[in-house]
Amino acid sequence: MTTTKQKPDWAGEDWQSRLVNLLINTKPIYAVMKRQARRVMIKTAQKKGIPWSAQVQALDTPGIRALADRLTNSTVRYPDYYQVPFHAYAQGNLCWLAAFEAAPATYAVAARLWPQESLTPDASHARMRGGFLRILDEYGPGEVRDILDIGCSVGISTLTIHRHFAEGQHQPVRTTGLDLSPYMLAVAKTRDTKDEITAWLHAPAEDTGLPPESFDLITLQFVAHELPRDAALDIFHEAHRMLRPGGTIALVDSDPKSPALQSLPPVLFTLMKSTEPWSDDYYTFDVARGLEQAGFQAPVTAPSDPRHRAIVARKGS
């Protein structure tokens, strides 16, 4: 009988992981890894029909750059974990290139999920998002008036979750997108052409400044793997504070038990780890247990696609 591994061998304290981390911590080698990881991502996207360069060029306008200034909260103090290089950007998400490339990078992630099927970029992305929404429909709140999307990036996740609930209910749905990057928020605001989202908020997720018991649903979509576990726990506590009794927190992210992730070739997992500084923390973190420590009821965990899982937990009444 085959035993399911709890995490990939290349994460945590296994010898493979220690070797990869040693390479990453060697600056000349890390520089090569970072450049190669970026090339692989762009090449994969273009092979799948994602117009990477065209999308970036279309966004780089004076209007978007000015919008970032208007959305910036000058009182925000960036935590240390957010000021390290990741996603092959020296400034992490605190730069324009990261914001301009976020959408094609997101579609590239979805395009790799079903390699044996001839799906368009839009179809694979819709299928990836749909897996999460299906689980949320089954285990999430029955009634949703107010949604908070934490780590909203350029708003793809925010608009998707908002439209899903707004189209399925008769009452209005108010949705807020929250992120630490004003560059991401400027792109998100630009993408929100019909002003569907109530607010795009520049604030730390650990201390949002939002009122208690003000949301029915809080989501973290592909965010947890970018957090050290202490920050994740702080965010879970803050989410618990902001949710109404009976409200739901829902996460979707990489599944440590996924055979697709556990069987990644050494070159690919090495490149991936070079762009994800908190991957060891994430793959060895019991997220469900962390949610319970923050006061949530026992979560439900279910695979949402071949590489990702959804975790849904309720706040007690």
C-alpha atoms as a PDB file:
ATOM      1  CA  MET A   1       0.000   0.000   0.000  1.00  0.00           C
ATOM      2  CA  THR A   2       1.333   3.437  -0.972  1.00  0.00           C
ATOM      3  CA  THR A   3       1.549   5.964   1.858  1.00  0.00           C
ATOM      4  CA  THR A   4       0.760   9.562   0.988  1.00  0.00           C
ATOM      5  CA  LYS A   5       3.592  11.883   1.916  1.00  0.00           C
ATOM      6  CA  GLN A   6       2.639  14.867   4.020  1.00  0.00           C
ATOM      7  CA  LYS A   7       4.921  17.176   2.020  1.00  0.00           C
ATOM      8  CA  PRO A   8       7.434  17.087  -0.844  1.00  0.00           C
ATOM      9  CA  ASP A   9      10.946  15.849  -0.046  1.00  0.00           C
ATOM     10  CA  TRP A  10      12.322  19.158  -1.333  1.00  0.00           C
ATOM     11  CA  ALA A  11      10.637  21.113   1.481  1.00  0.00           C
ATOM     12  CA  GLY A  12      11.498  21.297   5.168  1.00  0.00           C
ATOM     13  CA  GLU A  13      14.568  19.611   6.664  1.00  0.00           C
ATOM     14  CA  ASP A  14      15.020  16.732   4.199  1.00  0.00           C
ATOM     15  CA  TRP A  15      18.447  16.449   2.600  1.00  0.00           C
ATOM     16  CA  GLN A  16      17.113  17.541  -0.783  1.00  0.00           C
ATOM     17  CA  SER A  17      15.692  20.661   0.779  1.00  0.00           C
ATOM     18  CA  ARG A  18      18.897  21.468   2.659  1.00  0.00           C
ATOM     19  CA  LEU A  19      20.914  21.078  -0.535  1.00  0.00           C
ATOM     20  CA  VAL A  20      18.586  23.349  -2.524  1.00  0.00           C
ATOM     21  CA  ASN A  21      18.616  25.934   0.269  1.00  0.00           C
ATOM     22  CA  LEU A  22      22.411  25.871   0.298  1.00  0.00           C
ATOM     23  CA  LEU A  23      22.443  26.616  -3.419  1.00  0.00           C
ATOM     24  CA  ILE A  24      19.878  29.402  -3.004  1.00  0.00           C
ATOM     25  CA  ASN A  25      21.971  30.991  -0.254  1.00  0.00           C
ATOM     26  CA  THR A  26      25.024  31.079  -2.530  1.00  0.00           C
ATOM     27  CA  LYS A  27      24.630  34.496  -4.174  1.00  0.00           C
ATOM     28  CA  PRO A  28      26.124  33.827  -7.631  1.00  0.00           C
ATOM     29  CA  ILE A  29      24.118  30.609  -7.962  1.00  0.00           C
ATOM     30  CA  TYR A  30      20.959  32.297  -6.657  1.00  0.00           C
ATOM     31  CA  ALA A  31      21.289  35.054  -9.256  1.00  0.00           C
ATOM     32  CA  VAL A  32      21.383  32.450 -12.026  1.00  0.00           C
ATOM     33  CA  MET A  33      18.418  30.569 -10.508  1.00  0.00           C
ATOM     34  CA  LYS A  34      16.331  33.719 -10.304  1.00  0.00           C
ATOM     35  CA  ARG A  35      16.969  34.638 -13.943  1.00  0.00           C
ATOM     36  CA  GLN A  36      16.252  31.092 -15.096  1.00  0.00           C
ATOM     37  CA  ALA A  37      13.048  30.845 -13.043  1.00  0.00           C
ATOM     38  CA  ARG A  38      11.802  34.004 -14.704  1.00  0.00           C
ATOM     39  CA  ARG A  39      12.685  32.719 -18.173  1.00  0.00           C
ATOM     40  CA  VAL A  40      10.877  29.438 -17.541  1.00  0.00           C
ATOM     41  CA  MET A  41       7.734  31.226 -16.366  1.00  0.00           C
ATOM     42  CA  ILE A  42       7.613  33.573 -19.352  1.00  0.00           C
ATOM     43  CA  LYS A  43       8.444  30.831 -21.842  1.00  0.00           C
ATOM     44  CA  THR A  44       5.729  28.571 -20.394  1.00  0.00           C
ATOM     45  CA  ALA A  45       3.183  31.374 -20.609  1.00  0.00           C
ATOM     46  CA  GLN A  46       4.012  32.216 -24.194  1.00  0.00           C
ATOM     47  CA  LYS A  47       3.881  28.560 -25.251  1.00  0.00           C
ATOM     48  CA  LYS A  48       0.372  28.384 -23.822  1.00  0.00           C
ATOM     49  CA  GLY A  49      -0.735  31.444 -25.798  1.00  0.00           C
ATOM     50  CA  ILE A  50      -0.513  34.002 -22.999  1.00  0.00           C
ATOM     51  CA  PRO A  51       0.642  37.365 -24.493  1.00  0.00           C
ATOM     52  CA  TRP A  52       3.033  38.199 -21.657  1.00  0.00           C
ATOM     53  CA  SER A  53       4.882  41.173 -23.176  1.00  0.00           C
ATOM     54  CA  ALA A  54       1.777  42.727 -24.701  1.00  0.00           C
ATOM     55  CA  GLN A  55      -0.093  42.623 -21.402  1.00  0.00           C
ATOM     56  CA  VAL A  56       2.812  44.220 -19.554  1.00  0.00           C
ATOM     57  CA  GLN A  57       3.195  46.990 -22.113  1.00  0.00           C
ATOM     58  CA  ALA A  58      -0.532  47.752 -22.082  1.00  0.00           C
ATOM     59  CA  LEU A  59      -0.490  48.372 -18.335  1.00  0.00           C
ATOM     60  CA  ASP A  60       2.576  50.582 -18.146  1.00  0.00           C
ATOM     61  CA  THR A  61       0.859  53.964 -18.390  1.00  0.00           C
ATOM     62  CA  PRO A  62       1.235  57.275 -16.504  1.00  0.00           C
ATOM     63  CA  GLY A  63      -2.346  56.919 -15.270  1.00  0.00           C
ATOM     64  CA  ILE A  64      -1.684  53.668 -13.438  1.00  0.00           C
ATOM     65  CA  ARG A  65       1.515  55.010 -11.924  1.00  0.00           C
ATOM     66  CA  ALA A  66      -0.346  58.070 -10.601  1.00  0.00           C
ATOM     67  CA  LEU A  67      -3.119  55.850  -9.242  1.00  0.00           C
ATOM     68  CA  ALA A  68      -0.637  54.027  -6.990  1.00  0.00           C
ATOM     69  CA  ASP A  69       0.146  57.299  -5.225  1.00  0.00           C
ATOM     70  CA  ARG A  70      -3.538  57.903  -4.544  1.00  0.00           C
ATOM     71  CA  LEU A  71      -4.062  54.400  -3.174  1.00  0.00           C
ATOM     72  CA  THR A  72      -0.964  54.376  -0.953  1.00  0.00           C
ATOM     73  CA  ASN A  73      -1.580  54.505   2.790  1.00  0.00           C
ATOM     74  CA  SER A  74       1.394  56.465   4.120  1.00  0.00           C
ATOM     75  CA  THR A  75       0.995  54.969   7.602  1.00  0.00           C
ATOM     76  CA  VAL A  76       1.673  51.418   6.403  1.00  0.00           C
ATOM     77  CA  ARG A  77       4.875  49.882   7.726  1.00  0.00           C
ATOM     78  CA  TYR A  78       5.987  46.893   5.694  1.00  0.00           C
ATOM     79  CA  PRO A  79       6.856  43.792   7.752  1.00  0.00           C
ATOM     80  CA  ASP A  80      10.319  42.326   7.296  1.00  0.00           C
ATOM     81  CA  TYR A  81       9.016  39.180   5.595  1.00  0.00           C
ATOM     82  CA  TYR A  82       7.462  41.320   2.856  1.00  0.00           C
ATOM     83  CA  GLN A  83      10.693  43.132   2.034  1.00  0.00           C
ATOM     84  CA  VAL A  84      12.708  40.154   0.837  1.00  0.00           C
ATOM     85  CA  PRO A  85      13.169  39.153  -2.831  1.00  0.00           C
ATOM     86  CA  PHE A  86      10.541  36.761  -4.135  1.00  0.00           C
ATOM     87  CA  HIS A  87       8.916  35.782  -7.422  1.00  0.00           C
ATOM     88  CA  ALA A  88      12.279  36.628  -9.047  1.00  0.00           C
ATOM     89  CA  TYR A  89      11.894  40.328  -8.193  1.00  0.00           C
ATOM     90  CA  ALA A  90      14.541  41.952  -5.997  1.00  0.00           C
ATOM     91  CA  GLN A  91      11.828  44.152  -4.425  1.00  0.00           C
ATOM     92  CA  GLY A  92       9.202  41.426  -4.205  1.00  0.00           C
ATOM     93  CA  ASN A  93       5.736  42.863  -4.841  1.00  0.00           C
ATOM     94  CA  LEU A  94       6.880  46.399  -4.113  1.00  0.00           C
ATOM     95  CA  CYS A  95       7.689  47.242  -7.720  1.00  0.00           C
ATOM     96  CA  TRP A  96       5.882  47.939 -10.960  1.00  0.00           C
ATOM     97  CA  LEU A  97       7.205  44.963 -12.897  1.00  0.00           C
ATOM     98  CA  ALA A  98       5.735  42.541 -10.360  1.00  0.00           C
ATOM     99  CA  ALA A  99       2.360  44.269 -10.683  1.00  0.00           C
ATOM    100  CA  PHE A 100       2.429  44.413 -14.479  1.00  0.00           C
ATOM    101  CA  GLU A 101       3.384  40.732 -14.760  1.00  0.00           C
ATOM    102  CA  ALA A 102       1.036  39.383 -12.081  1.00  0.00           C
ATOM    103  CA  ALA A 103      -1.871  38.625 -14.417  1.00  0.00           C
ATOM    104  CA  PRO A 104       0.080  36.684 -17.082  1.00  0.00           C
ATOM    105  CA  ALA A 105       1.971  34.864 -14.303  1.00  0.00           C
ATOM    106  CA  THR A 106      -1.342  33.842 -12.723  1.00  0.00           C
ATOM    107  CA  TYR A 107      -2.637  32.497 -16.021  1.00  0.00           C
ATOM    108  CA  ALA A 108       0.648  30.656 -16.539  1.00  0.00           C
ATOM    109  CA  VAL A 109       0.167  28.842 -13.230  1.00  0.00           C
ATOM    110  CA  ALA A 110      -3.276  27.669 -14.332  1.00  0.00           C
ATOM    111  CA  ALA A 111      -1.994  26.653 -17.766  1.00  0.00           C
ATOM    112  CA  ARG A 112       0.370  24.087 -16.203  1.00  0.00           C
ATOM    113  CA  LEU A 113      -2.334  22.254 -14.240  1.00  0.00           C
ATOM    114  CA  TRP A 114      -3.753  20.045 -17.008  1.00  0.00           C
ATOM    115  CA  PRO A 115      -0.849  19.399 -19.403  1.00  0.00           C
ATOM    116  CA  GLN A 116      -2.622  16.540 -21.158  1.00  0.00           C
ATOM    117  CA  GLU A 117      -5.617  18.683 -22.137  1.00  0.00           C
ATOM    118  CA  SER A 118      -5.779  21.305 -24.875  1.00  0.00           C
ATOM    119  CA  LEU A 119      -7.238  24.157 -22.835  1.00  0.00           C
ATOM    120  CA  THR A 120      -7.066  27.840 -23.684  1.00  0.00           C
ATOM    121  CA  PRO A 121      -5.511  30.128 -21.047  1.00  0.00           C
ATOM    122  CA  ASP A 122      -8.960  31.459 -20.162  1.00  0.00           C
ATOM    123  CA  ALA A 123     -10.415  27.951 -19.852  1.00  0.00           C
ATOM    124  CA  SER A 124      -7.625  26.632 -17.632  1.00  0.00           C
ATOM    125  CA  HIS A 125      -7.801  29.713 -15.421  1.00  0.00           C
ATOM    126  CA  ALA A 126     -11.584  29.464 -15.093  1.00  0.00           C
ATOM    127  CA  ARG A 127     -11.245  25.789 -14.209  1.00  0.00           C
ATOM    128  CA  MET A 128      -8.631  26.546 -11.535  1.00  0.00           C
ATOM    129  CA  ARG A 129     -10.821  29.231  -9.950  1.00  0.00           C
ATOM    130  CA  GLY A 130     -13.911  27.081 -10.355  1.00  0.00           C
ATOM    131  CA  GLY A 131     -12.426  24.279  -8.275  1.00  0.00           C
ATOM    132  CA  PHE A 132     -12.089  26.639  -5.323  1.00  0.00           C
ATOM    133  CA  LEU A 133     -15.569  28.102  -5.807  1.00  0.00           C
ATOM    134  CA  ARG A 134     -17.113  24.628  -5.946  1.00  0.00           C
ATOM    135  CA  ILE A 135     -15.656  23.752  -2.542  1.00  0.00           C
ATOM    136  CA  LEU A 136     -16.662  27.135  -1.149  1.00  0.00           C
ATOM    137  CA  ASP A 137     -20.239  26.622  -2.334  1.00  0.00           C
ATOM    138  CA  GLU A 138     -20.352  23.301  -0.537  1.00  0.00           C
ATOM    139  CA  TYR A 139     -18.735  24.287   2.751  1.00  0.00           C
ATOM    140  CA  GLY A 140     -18.883  28.091   2.870  1.00  0.00           C
ATOM    141  CA  PRO A 141     -21.470  30.506   4.226  1.00  0.00           C
ATOM    142  CA  GLY A 142     -25.044  30.258   3.007  1.00  0.00           C
ATOM    143  CA  GLU A 143     -25.541  34.014   2.861  1.00  0.00           C
ATOM    144  CA  VAL A 144     -22.891  36.528   1.881  1.00  0.00           C
ATOM    145  CA  ARG A 145     -23.226  40.289   2.118  1.00  0.00           C
ATOM    146  CA  ASP A 146     -19.639  41.384   2.747  1.00  0.00           C
ATOM    147  CA  ILE A 147     -16.426  39.803   1.415  1.00  0.00           C
ATOM    148  CA  LEU A 148     -12.786  40.600   2.153  1.00  0.00           C
ATOM    149  CA  ASP A 149     -10.133  39.249  -0.226  1.00  0.00           C
ATOM    150  CA  ILE A 150      -6.792  39.336   1.611  1.00  0.00           C
ATOM    151  CA  GLY A 151      -3.672  39.520  -0.553  1.00  0.00           C
ATOM    152  CA  CYS A 152      -5.802  40.505  -3.524  1.00  0.00           C
ATOM    153  CA  SER A 153      -2.818  41.269  -5.799  1.00  0.00           C
ATOM    154  CA  VAL A 154      -4.097  42.725  -9.100  1.00  0.00           C
ATOM    155  CA  GLY A 155      -7.702  41.884  -8.318  1.00  0.00           C
ATOM    156  CA  ILE A 156      -8.257  38.746 -10.390  1.00  0.00           C
ATOM    157  CA  SER A 157      -9.246  36.733  -7.326  1.00  0.00           C
ATOM    158  CA  THR A 158     -11.317  39.618  -5.934  1.00  0.00           C
ATOM    159  CA  LEU A 159     -13.398  40.147  -9.044  1.00  0.00           C
ATOM    160  CA  THR A 160     -13.908  36.395  -9.449  1.00  0.00           C
ATOM    161  CA  ILE A 161     -15.166  35.843  -5.900  1.00  0.00           C
ATOM    162  CA  HIS A 162     -17.315  38.989  -6.013  1.00  0.00           C
ATOM    163  CA  ARG A 163     -19.026  38.058  -9.269  1.00  0.00           C
ATOM    164  CA  HIS A 164     -19.598  34.490  -8.100  1.00  0.00           C
ATOM    165  CA  PHE A 165     -21.612  35.592  -5.079  1.00  0.00           C
ATOM    166  CA  ALA A 166     -23.149  38.724  -6.612  1.00  0.00           C
ATOM    167  CA  GLU A 167     -24.611  36.708  -9.487  1.00  0.00           C
ATOM    168  CA  GLY A 168     -25.948  33.997  -7.193  1.00  0.00           C
ATOM    169  CA  GLN A 169     -27.826  36.203  -4.748  1.00  0.00           C
ATOM    170  CA  HIS A 170     -30.646  38.715  -4.863  1.00  0.00           C
ATOM    171  CA  GLN A 171     -29.127  41.064  -2.286  1.00  0.00           C
ATOM    172  CA  PRO A 172     -26.136  43.325  -2.983  1.00  0.00           C
ATOM    173  CA  VAL A 173     -22.666  42.004  -2.208  1.00  0.00           C
ATOM    174  CA  ARG A 174     -19.951  44.375  -1.022  1.00  0.00           C
ATOM    175  CA  THR A 175     -16.382  43.234  -1.625  1.00  0.00           C
ATOM    176  CA  THR A 176     -13.070  44.722  -0.478  1.00  0.00           C
ATOM    177  CA  GLY A 177      -9.670  43.840  -1.882  1.00  0.00           C
ATOM    178  CA  LEU A 178      -6.745  44.254   0.533  1.00  0.00           C
ATOM    179  CA  ASP A 179      -3.048  44.130  -0.299  1.00  0.00           C
ATOM    180  CA  LEU A 180       0.300  45.437   0.953  1.00  0.00           C
ATOM    181  CA  SER A 181       1.451  46.531  -2.496  1.00  0.00           C
ATOM    182  CA  PRO A 182       0.103  49.842  -3.838  1.00  0.00           C
ATOM    183  CA  TYR A 183       1.491  48.822  -7.230  1.00  0.00           C
ATOM    184  CA  MET A 184      -0.723  45.742  -7.265  1.00  0.00           C
ATOM    185  CA  LEU A 185      -3.695  47.761  -6.060  1.00  0.00           C
ATOM    186  CA  ALA A 186      -3.250  50.321  -8.841  1.00  0.00           C
ATOM    187  CA  VAL A 187      -3.475  47.550 -11.433  1.00  0.00           C
ATOM    188  CA  ALA A 188      -6.441  46.010  -9.589  1.00  0.00           C
ATOM    189  CA  LYS A 189      -8.287  49.323  -9.586  1.00  0.00           C
ATOM    190  CA  THR A 190      -7.590  49.719 -13.299  1.00  0.00           C
ATOM    191  CA  ARG A 191      -8.929  46.219 -14.019  1.00  0.00           C
ATOM    192  CA  ASP A 192     -12.095  47.032 -12.063  1.00  0.00           C
ATOM    193  CA  THR A 193     -13.543  48.922 -15.036  1.00  0.00           C
ATOM    194  CA  LYS A 194     -17.155  48.804 -13.766  1.00  0.00           C
ATOM    195  CA  ASP A 195     -16.333  49.769 -10.171  1.00  0.00           C
ATOM    196  CA  GLU A 196     -17.689  46.464  -8.915  1.00  0.00           C
ATOM    197  CA  ILE A 197     -15.411  46.375  -5.875  1.00  0.00           C
ATOM    198  CA  THR A 198     -16.330  48.527  -2.874  1.00  0.00           C
ATOM    199  CA  ALA A 199     -12.739  49.378  -1.931  1.00  0.00           C
ATOM    200  CA  TRP A 200      -9.138  48.580  -2.793  1.00  0.00           C
ATOM    201  CA  LEU A 201      -7.376  48.874   0.549  1.00  0.00           C
ATOM    202  CA  HIS A 202      -3.648  49.311   1.210  1.00  0.00           C
ATOM    203  CA  ALA A 203      -3.089  47.747   4.635  1.00  0.00           C
ATOM    204  CA  PRO A 204      -1.308  44.897   6.411  1.00  0.00           C
ATOM    205  CA  ALA A 205      -3.484  41.812   6.744  1.00  0.00           C
ATOM    206  CA  GLU A 206      -2.293  41.286  10.336  1.00  0.00           C
ATOM    207  CA  ASP A 207      -3.715  44.663  11.424  1.00  0.00           C
ATOM    208  CA  THR A 208      -6.216  45.903   8.876  1.00  0.00           C
ATOM    209  CA  GLY A 209      -7.899  48.606  10.939  1.00  0.00           C
ATOM    210  CA  LEU A 210     -11.282  47.309   9.728  1.00  0.00           C
ATOM    211  CA  PRO A 211     -14.218  46.985  12.149  1.00  0.00           C
ATOM    212  CA  PRO A 212     -14.849  43.741  14.049  1.00  0.00           C
ATOM    213  CA  GLU A 213     -17.536  41.332  12.836  1.00  0.00           C
ATOM    214  CA  SER A 214     -17.926  43.142   9.518  1.00  0.00           C
ATOM    215  CA  PHE A 215     -17.543  40.299   6.969  1.00  0.00           C
ATOM    216  CA  ASP A 216     -19.317  37.057   6.125  1.00  0.00           C
ATOM    217  CA  LEU A 217     -16.474  35.658   4.023  1.00  0.00           C
ATOM    218  CA  ILE A 218     -12.712  36.266   4.045  1.00  0.00           C
ATOM    219  CA  THR A 219     -10.515  34.659   1.406  1.00  0.00           C
ATOM    220  CA  LEU A 220      -6.766  34.185   0.996  1.00  0.00           C
ATOM    221  CA  GLN A 221      -6.242  32.980  -2.546  1.00  0.00           C
ATOM    222  CA  PHE A 222      -2.697  31.771  -3.296  1.00  0.00           C
ATOM    223  CA  VAL A 223      -1.359  33.892  -0.422  1.00  0.00           C
ATOM    224  CA  ALA A 224      -0.476  31.490   2.411  1.00  0.00           C
ATOM    225  CA  HIS A 225       2.630  30.102   0.688  1.00  0.00           C
ATOM    226  CA  GLU A 226       4.082  33.628   0.694  1.00  0.00           C
ATOM    227  CA  LEU A 227       3.877  33.928   4.483  1.00  0.00           C
ATOM    228  CA  PRO A 228       6.053  32.779   7.356  1.00  0.00           C
ATOM    229  CA  ARG A 229       3.878  30.811   9.748  1.00  0.00           C
ATOM    230  CA  ASP A 230       3.912  33.489  12.472  1.00  0.00           C
ATOM    231  CA  ALA A 231       2.485  36.012  10.012  1.00  0.00           C
ATOM    232  CA  ALA A 232      -0.099  33.481   8.823  1.00  0.00           C
ATOM    233  CA  LEU A 233      -1.242  32.887  12.405  1.00  0.00           C
ATOM    234  CA  ASP A 234      -1.533  36.631  13.026  1.00  0.00           C
ATOM    235  CA  ILE A 235      -3.635  36.982   9.873  1.00  0.00           C
ATOM    236  CA  PHE A 236      -5.883  34.086  10.933  1.00  0.00           C
ATOM    237  CA  HIS A 237      -6.520  35.817  14.275  1.00  0.00           C
ATOM    238  CA  GLU A 238      -7.279  39.092  12.521  1.00  0.00           C
ATOM    239  CA  ALA A 239      -9.669  37.316  10.139  1.00  0.00           C
ATOM    240  CA  HIS A 240     -11.442  35.710  13.092  1.00  0.00           C
ATOM    241  CA  ARG A 241     -11.890  39.168  14.641  1.00  0.00           C
ATOM    242  CA  MET A 242     -13.350  40.612  11.431  1.00  0.00           C
ATOM    243  CA  LEU A 243     -15.777  37.787  10.657  1.00  0.00           C
ATOM    244  CA  ARG A 244     -19.354  37.824  11.842  1.00  0.00           C
ATOM    245  CA  PRO A 245     -20.479  34.840  13.944  1.00  0.00           C
ATOM    246  CA  GLY A 246     -20.971  31.944  11.540  1.00  0.00           C
ATOM    247  CA  GLY A 247     -18.719  33.626   8.971  1.00  0.00           C
ATOM    248  CA  THR A 248     -16.155  31.732   6.924  1.00  0.00           C
ATOM    249  CA  ILE A 249     -12.477  31.969   6.106  1.00  0.00           C
ATOM    250  CA  ALA A 250     -11.427  30.170   2.922  1.00  0.00           C
ATOM    251  CA  LEU A 251      -7.920  29.566   1.594  1.00  0.00           C
ATOM    252  CA  VAL A 252      -6.730  28.066  -1.659  1.00  0.00           C
ATOM    253  CA  ASP A 253      -3.067  27.300  -2.199  1.00  0.00           C
ATOM    254  CA  SER A 254      -0.506  24.631  -3.044  1.00  0.00           C
ATOM    255  CA  ASP A 255      -1.302  21.197  -1.631  1.00  0.00           C
ATOM    256  CA  PRO A 256       1.742  19.662   0.085  1.00  0.00           C
ATOM    257  CA  LYS A 257       0.201  16.209  -0.472  1.00  0.00           C
ATOM    258  CA  SER A 258      -0.287  16.713  -4.207  1.00  0.00           C
ATOM    259  CA  PRO A 259       1.488  14.005  -6.254  1.00  0.00           C
ATOM    260  CA  ALA A 260       2.014  16.631  -8.967  1.00  0.00           C
ATOM    261  CA  LEU A 261       4.055  18.777  -6.591  1.00  0.00           C
ATOM    262  CA  GLN A 262       5.821  15.901  -4.869  1.00  0.00           C
ATOM    263  CA  SER A 263       7.042  14.545  -8.192  1.00  0.00           C
ATOM    264  CA  LEU A 264       8.396  17.796  -9.630  1.00  0.00           C
ATOM    265  CA  PRO A 265      11.762  17.311 -11.389  1.00  0.00           C
ATOM    266  CA  PRO A 266      14.740  18.634  -9.384  1.00  0.00           C
ATOM    267  CA  VAL A 267      15.337  21.505 -11.804  1.00  0.00           C
ATOM    268  CA  LEU A 268      11.771  22.765 -11.443  1.00  0.00           C
ATOM    269  CA  PHE A 269      11.468  22.527  -7.679  1.00  0.00           C
ATOM    270  CA  THR A 270      14.880  24.165  -7.282  1.00  0.00           C
ATOM    271  CA  LEU A 271      13.826  27.077  -9.485  1.00  0.00           C
ATOM    272  CA  MET A 272      10.506  27.352  -7.668  1.00  0.00           C
ATOM    273  CA  LYS A 273      12.123  27.469  -4.226  1.00  0.00           C
ATOM    274  CA  SER A 274      14.513  30.158  -5.424  1.00  0.00           C
ATOM    275  CA  THR A 275      11.531  32.495  -5.944  1.00  0.00           C
ATOM    276  CA  GLU A 276       9.513  31.499  -2.845  1.00  0.00           C
ATOM    277  CA  PRO A 277      11.489  32.359   0.327  1.00  0.00           C
ATOM    278  CA  TRP A 278       8.830  31.040   2.718  1.00  0.00           C
ATOM    279  CA  SER A 279       8.118  27.750   0.948  1.00  0.00           C
ATOM    280  CA  ASP A 280       9.710  25.587   3.667  1.00  0.00           C
ATOM    281  CA  ASP A 281       7.586  27.337   6.280  1.00  0.00           C
ATOM    282  CA  TYR A 282       4.441  26.803   4.253  1.00  0.00           C
ATOM    283  CA  TYR A 283       4.972  23.151   3.311  1.00  0.00           C
ATOM    284  CA  THR A 284       5.698  22.193   6.919  1.00  0.00           C
ATOM    285  CA  PHE A 285       2.902  24.311   8.447  1.00  0.00           C
ATOM    286  CA  ASP A 286      -0.308  22.643   9.601  1.00  0.00           C
ATOM    287  CA  VAL A 287      -2.646  25.316   8.248  1.00  0.00           C
ATOM    288  CA  ALA A 288      -5.785  23.610   9.538  1.00  0.00           C
ATOM    289  CA  ARG A 289      -4.333  23.447  13.037  1.00  0.00           C
ATOM    290  CA  GLY A 290      -3.326  27.099  12.778  1.00  0.00           C
ATOM    291  CA  LEU A 291      -6.909  28.075  11.964  1.00  0.00           C
ATOM    292  CA  GLU A 292      -8.162  26.171  14.982  1.00  0.00           C
ATOM    293  CA  GLN A 293      -5.580  27.922  17.153  1.00  0.00           C
ATOM    294  CA  ALA A 294      -7.020  31.226  15.916  1.00  0.00           C
ATOM    295  CA  GLY A 295     -10.467  30.202  17.160  1.00  0.00           C
ATOM    296  CA  PHE A 296     -12.072  28.657  14.081  1.00  0.00           C
ATOM    297  CA  GLN A 297     -14.044  25.438  14.082  1.00  0.00           C
ATOM    298  CA  ALA A 298     -12.410  22.330  12.589  1.00  0.00           C
ATOM    299  CA  PRO A 299     -11.670  23.154   8.923  1.00  0.00           C
ATOM    300  CA  VAL A 300     -12.583  21.180   5.832  1.00  0.00           C
ATOM    301  CA  THR A 301      -9.721  20.501   3.421  1.00  0.00           C
ATOM    302  CA  ALA A 302     -10.290  19.308  -0.138  1.00  0.00           C
ATOM    303  CA  PRO A 303      -8.275  19.274  -3.389  1.00  0.00           C
ATOM    304  CA  SER A 304      -9.424  21.986  -5.775  1.00  0.00           C
ATOM    305  CA  ASP A 305      -7.259  20.923  -8.733  1.00  0.00           C
ATOM    306  CA  PRO A 306      -4.226  18.654  -9.331  1.00  0.00           C
ATOM    307  CA  ARG A 307      -1.822  20.963  -7.438  1.00  0.00           C
ATOM    308  CA  HIS A 308      -3.950  23.010  -5.053  1.00  0.00           C
ATOM    309  CA  ARG A 309      -6.223  22.542  -2.051  1.00  0.00           C
ATOM    310  CA  ALA A 310      -8.961  24.582  -0.448  1.00  0.00           C
ATOM    311  CA  ILE A 311      -9.275  24.949   3.323  1.00  0.00           C
ATOM    312  CA  VAL A 312     -12.574  26.276   4.685  1.00  0.00           C
ATOM    313  CA  ALA A 313     -13.313  27.044   8.322  1.00  0.00           C
ATOM    314  CA  ARG A 314     -16.176  28.708  10.160  1.00  0.00           C
ATOM    315  CA  LYS A 315     -16.260  31.084  13.082  1.00  0.00           C
ATOM    316  CA  GLY A 316     -18.593  29.829  15.802  1.00  0.00           C
ATOM    317  CA  SER A 317     -21.961  31.472  16.307  1.00  0.00           C
END
